[in-house]
Amino acid sequence: MAVVRRPLVYDGPGGPFEGVAAWDDAVEGPRPCLLVLPNVLGQKEADNLKADALAGLGYVALAADLFGQGKRTTLQAEDRSRYMDELNADRALLRDRLAASLAALTGLSQADPDNAAAIGFCFGGKCVLDMARAGLGIRGGVSFHGIYDRPDYASVSPIAAKLLVCHGWNDPIASPDATVALANELTKSGADWQLHAYGHAGHAFTDVSRAGPGNIAYEPRADRRSWQAMQDFLGELFR
């Protein structure tokens, strides 16, 4: 295995944007490809590592940038959600930036544009769901501890993208009512969906930087189980 990383600058509304692409250089020919969609902090090394891991599984991955080149924040910043808040207030702009990121991914010579999917974490989990709702060209998506509120534009019906929702049962941001509402929405939209709920796990359960007690914290069992569930889902999706 020879995983290669490359920065990728691409255009889009409000851009330019800069992500990081990864693939195994020992694999020949186009292969299924995945967007990695980041949390509130934007594109960062943690997302690059997820892209590396997906490349190690035989995919082409792009840790996407949705905020714009150089626009990043940190957990310590008081206004750490400022770039995310702008997109939450304009879900159509978010949709168009997701479309631009997908085009950048599928334009890579190593990528099979007919076999694309997306995974996302926290805000990125919302982005995965919005890609499916908007009918963007993904065959499937995986939301890890995502946020479930609907956009202010009409969803496609039926939703063609298959979805896996990996949810921490104690998540204070995605309440049981919000989770049930998402299930009802996806059912009504005709989506092929799965929900995996993990006990004793809250929000950010895959984020190793959030160690410690509380319901916004890393939970190793949920992290391990959800990553395995993702691999099984992708294996079925692209078989």
Protein backbone atom coordinates (compact mmCIF):
# COMPACT_ATOMS: atom_id res chain seq x y z
CA MET A 1 0.00 0.00 0.00
CA ALA A 2 1.28 3.47 -0.95
CA VAL A 3 -1.18 6.10 0.25
CA VAL A 4 -0.58 9.45 -1.44
CA ARG A 5 -1.84 12.81 -0.14
CA ARG A 6 -2.24 15.86 -2.33
CA PRO A 7 -3.65 19.32 -1.59
CA LEU A 8 -6.47 20.17 -3.98
CA VAL A 9 -7.56 23.75 -4.65
CA TYR A 10 -10.88 24.05 -6.44
CA ASP A 11 -13.51 26.63 -7.35
CA GLY A 12 -17.00 27.08 -6.01
CA PRO A 13 -19.37 29.77 -4.73
CA GLY A 14 -17.43 32.00 -2.33
CA GLY A 15 -14.19 30.14 -3.06
CA PRO A 16 -11.50 29.20 -3.75
CA PHE A 17 -11.49 26.11 -1.54
CA GLU A 18 -8.62 23.88 -0.48
CA GLY A 19 -9.05 20.24 0.49
CA VAL A 20 -6.76 17.25 0.70
CA ALA A 21 -7.11 14.22 -1.59
CA ALA A 22 -5.79 10.75 -0.77
CA TRP A 23 -5.53 7.49 -2.68
CA ASP A 24 -3.46 4.31 -2.80
CA ASP A 25 -0.98 4.71 -5.64
CA ALA A 26 -0.56 0.93 -5.85
CA VAL A 27 -4.17 0.53 -7.05
CA GLU A 28 -4.62 0.79 -10.79
CA GLY A 29 -7.53 2.44 -12.55
CA PRO A 30 -10.48 4.48 -11.33
CA ARG A 31 -12.11 3.38 -8.08
CA PRO A 32 -15.06 4.42 -5.88
CA CYS A 33 -14.59 7.81 -4.28
CA LEU A 34 -15.69 9.49 -1.06
CA LEU A 35 -16.03 13.00 0.29
CA VAL A 36 -15.02 13.48 3.92
CA LEU A 37 -17.11 16.35 5.29
CA PRO A 38 -15.78 18.14 8.40
CA ASN A 39 -17.29 19.34 11.64
CA VAL A 40 -17.72 22.90 12.92
CA LEU A 41 -13.97 23.61 12.75
CA GLY A 42 -13.67 23.03 9.00
CA GLN A 43 -11.14 20.99 7.04
CA LYS A 44 -8.21 19.87 9.24
CA GLU A 45 -5.73 17.10 9.92
CA ALA A 46 -8.35 14.86 11.56
CA ASP A 47 -10.27 14.87 8.27
CA ASN A 48 -7.09 14.22 6.30
CA LEU A 49 -6.47 11.15 8.47
CA LYS A 50 -9.97 9.86 7.67
CA ALA A 51 -9.20 10.36 3.98
CA ASP A 52 -5.96 8.40 4.46
CA ALA A 53 -7.87 5.58 6.13
CA LEU A 54 -10.38 5.43 3.28
CA ALA A 55 -7.52 5.38 0.77
CA GLY A 56 -6.12 2.41 2.69
CA LEU A 57 -9.44 0.65 2.12
CA GLY A 58 -9.07 1.13 -1.64
CA TYR A 59 -11.07 4.32 -2.19
CA VAL A 60 -10.18 7.78 -3.42
CA ALA A 61 -11.07 10.34 -0.76
CA LEU A 62 -11.24 14.11 -0.54
CA ALA A 63 -11.25 15.85 2.83
CA ALA A 64 -13.40 18.70 1.56
CA ASP A 65 -13.29 22.39 2.38
CA LEU A 66 -16.72 24.01 2.76
CA PHE A 67 -15.69 27.29 4.39
CA GLY A 68 -13.11 28.63 1.94
CA GLN A 69 -9.35 28.60 1.60
CA GLY A 70 -7.72 29.68 4.86
CA LYS A 71 -11.01 29.84 6.76
CA ARG A 72 -10.55 27.55 9.75
CA THR A 73 -11.23 27.82 13.45
CA THR A 74 -10.42 26.05 16.71
CA LEU A 75 -12.31 24.70 19.70
CA GLN A 76 -10.70 27.42 21.81
CA ALA A 77 -12.08 30.27 19.68
CA GLU A 78 -15.12 32.04 21.12
CA ASP A 79 -16.57 32.39 17.62
CA ARG A 80 -15.57 28.90 16.50
CA SER A 81 -18.92 28.32 14.78
CA ARG A 82 -18.87 31.49 12.67
CA TYR A 83 -18.24 29.84 9.31
CA MET A 84 -20.67 27.02 10.02
CA ASP A 85 -23.30 29.54 11.13
CA GLU A 86 -23.07 31.30 7.77
CA LEU A 87 -23.87 28.04 5.98
CA ASN A 88 -26.60 27.04 8.42
CA ALA A 89 -28.24 30.37 7.57
CA ASP A 90 -27.99 29.68 3.83
CA ARG A 91 -28.55 26.00 3.16
CA ALA A 92 -28.77 26.59 -0.60
CA LEU A 93 -25.21 27.99 -0.51
CA LEU A 94 -24.14 24.96 1.51
CA ARG A 95 -25.72 22.69 -1.10
CA ASP A 96 -23.86 24.45 -3.91
CA ARG A 97 -20.53 24.21 -2.06
CA LEU A 98 -21.14 20.51 -1.51
CA ALA A 99 -21.80 20.14 -5.23
CA ALA A 100 -18.51 21.93 -6.00
CA SER A 101 -16.62 19.64 -3.61
CA LEU A 102 -18.19 16.57 -5.21
CA ALA A 103 -17.20 17.82 -8.67
CA ALA A 104 -13.62 18.30 -7.48
CA LEU A 105 -13.55 14.74 -6.13
CA THR A 106 -15.08 13.08 -9.16
CA GLY A 107 -12.80 15.08 -11.45
CA LEU A 108 -9.73 13.30 -10.10
CA SER A 109 -8.26 10.85 -12.59
CA GLN A 110 -8.17 8.11 -9.92
CA ALA A 111 -11.90 8.48 -9.14
CA ASP A 112 -14.84 6.63 -10.68
CA PRO A 113 -17.42 9.44 -10.99
CA ASP A 114 -20.31 6.97 -11.17
CA ASN A 115 -19.42 5.50 -7.78
CA ALA A 116 -19.27 8.38 -5.31
CA ALA A 117 -20.39 8.59 -1.69
CA ALA A 118 -19.87 10.87 1.30
CA ILE A 119 -19.17 10.57 5.00
CA GLY A 120 -19.39 13.39 7.52
CA PHE A 121 -18.97 14.20 11.17
CA CYS A 122 -21.20 16.50 13.26
CA PHE A 123 -21.90 19.42 10.87
CA GLY A 124 -20.47 17.16 8.16
CA GLY A 125 -23.12 14.59 9.02
CA LYS A 126 -25.76 17.21 8.28
CA CYS A 127 -23.95 17.86 4.99
CA VAL A 128 -24.23 14.18 4.02
CA LEU A 129 -27.97 14.28 4.65
CA ASP A 130 -28.30 17.52 2.68
CA MET A 131 -26.48 15.97 -0.29
CA ALA A 132 -29.03 13.16 -0.30
CA ARG A 133 -31.93 15.59 0.18
CA ALA A 134 -30.71 17.74 -2.71
CA GLY A 135 -30.23 14.80 -5.06
CA LEU A 136 -26.51 15.42 -5.57
CA GLY A 137 -24.67 12.63 -7.37
CA ILE A 138 -23.77 10.29 -4.54
CA ARG A 139 -24.84 6.68 -4.32
CA GLY A 140 -24.83 6.75 -0.53
CA GLY A 141 -23.70 8.52 2.60
CA VAL A 142 -22.78 7.95 6.22
CA SER A 143 -23.56 10.50 8.94
CA PHE A 144 -21.54 10.21 12.16
CA HIS A 145 -23.12 12.05 15.13
CA GLY A 146 -24.77 14.38 12.67
CA ILE A 147 -27.32 17.17 13.01
CA TYR A 148 -30.73 16.40 11.60
CA ASP A 149 -32.64 19.63 10.93
CA ARG A 150 -34.08 19.93 7.45
CA PRO A 151 -33.05 22.59 4.92
CA ASP A 152 -35.45 25.29 3.81
CA TYR A 153 -35.70 23.96 0.25
CA ALA A 154 -37.72 20.97 -0.93
CA SER A 155 -36.00 17.60 -0.88
CA VAL A 156 -36.04 15.32 -3.88
CA SER A 157 -38.50 12.47 -3.70
CA PRO A 158 -37.64 9.70 -3.68
CA ILE A 159 -34.22 10.19 -2.14
CA ALA A 160 -31.98 7.94 -4.23
CA ALA A 161 -28.86 7.92 -2.05
CA LYS A 162 -28.71 5.13 0.52
CA LEU A 163 -28.01 6.36 4.03
CA LEU A 164 -26.42 5.07 7.21
CA VAL A 165 -26.93 7.26 10.29
CA CYS A 166 -24.54 6.50 13.17
CA HIS A 167 -25.99 8.16 16.26
CA GLY A 168 -24.92 8.50 19.87
CA TRP A 169 -28.04 7.89 21.93
CA ASN A 170 -27.06 10.50 24.53
CA ASP A 171 -26.35 13.19 21.94
CA PRO A 172 -27.61 16.52 23.36
CA ILE A 173 -27.56 18.19 19.92
CA ALA A 174 -29.61 15.52 18.12
CA SER A 175 -32.41 14.72 20.56
CA PRO A 176 -34.56 11.57 20.44
CA ASP A 177 -37.36 13.69 18.95
CA ALA A 178 -35.03 15.00 16.23
CA THR A 179 -33.82 11.48 15.51
CA VAL A 180 -37.36 10.14 15.16
CA ALA A 181 -38.25 13.12 12.96
CA LEU A 182 -35.31 12.27 10.67
CA ALA A 183 -36.43 8.64 10.45
CA ASN A 184 -39.94 9.78 9.55
CA GLU A 185 -38.59 12.22 6.97
CA LEU A 186 -36.40 9.61 5.27
CA THR A 187 -39.20 7.05 5.29
CA LYS A 188 -41.63 9.53 3.73
CA SER A 189 -39.00 10.43 1.12
CA GLY A 190 -38.62 6.78 0.11
CA ALA A 191 -34.97 6.58 1.12
CA ASP A 192 -33.16 3.31 1.82
CA TRP A 193 -31.90 4.20 5.31
CA GLN A 194 -30.39 2.60 8.41
CA LEU A 195 -29.98 4.02 11.90
CA HIS A 196 -27.34 2.65 14.28
CA ALA A 197 -27.72 4.06 17.79
CA TYR A 198 -24.91 3.57 20.29
CA GLY A 199 -25.61 3.41 24.01
CA HIS A 200 -23.50 5.46 26.42
CA ALA A 201 -22.33 7.64 23.53
CA GLY A 202 -23.08 11.28 22.92
CA HIS A 203 -22.10 13.86 20.34
CA ALA A 204 -18.59 13.76 18.80
CA PHE A 205 -18.09 10.10 19.73
CA THR A 206 -15.49 9.65 16.94
CA ASP A 207 -13.41 12.68 17.96
CA VAL A 208 -10.33 11.46 19.82
CA SER A 209 -9.47 15.04 20.79
CA ARG A 210 -12.61 15.23 22.94
CA ALA A 211 -11.49 12.84 25.68
CA GLY A 212 -13.18 13.05 29.05
CA PRO A 213 -16.60 12.71 30.66
CA GLY A 214 -19.79 14.25 29.36
CA ASN A 215 -22.16 13.83 26.46
CA ILE A 216 -19.93 15.63 23.93
CA ALA A 217 -16.93 13.31 24.09
CA TYR A 218 -15.01 10.52 22.44
CA GLU A 219 -16.44 7.03 22.99
CA PRO A 220 -14.10 4.29 21.68
CA ARG A 221 -16.67 1.51 21.34
CA ALA A 222 -19.04 3.67 19.30
CA ASP A 223 -16.12 4.94 17.23
CA ARG A 224 -14.92 1.42 16.43
CA ARG A 225 -18.37 0.00 15.78
CA SER A 226 -19.52 2.87 13.59
CA TRP A 227 -16.36 2.71 11.44
CA GLN A 228 -16.93 -0.99 10.92
CA ALA A 229 -20.57 -0.33 10.08
CA MET A 230 -19.41 2.23 7.51
CA GLN A 231 -17.07 -0.31 5.90
CA ASP A 232 -19.87 -2.86 5.64
CA PHE A 233 -22.22 -0.23 4.20
CA LEU A 234 -19.70 0.89 1.57
CA GLY A 235 -18.88 -2.68 0.68
CA GLU A 236 -22.53 -3.33 -0.06
CA LEU A 237 -22.98 0.01 -1.81
CA PHE A 238 -20.11 -0.50 -4.25
CA ARG A 239 -20.14 -4.27 -4.66
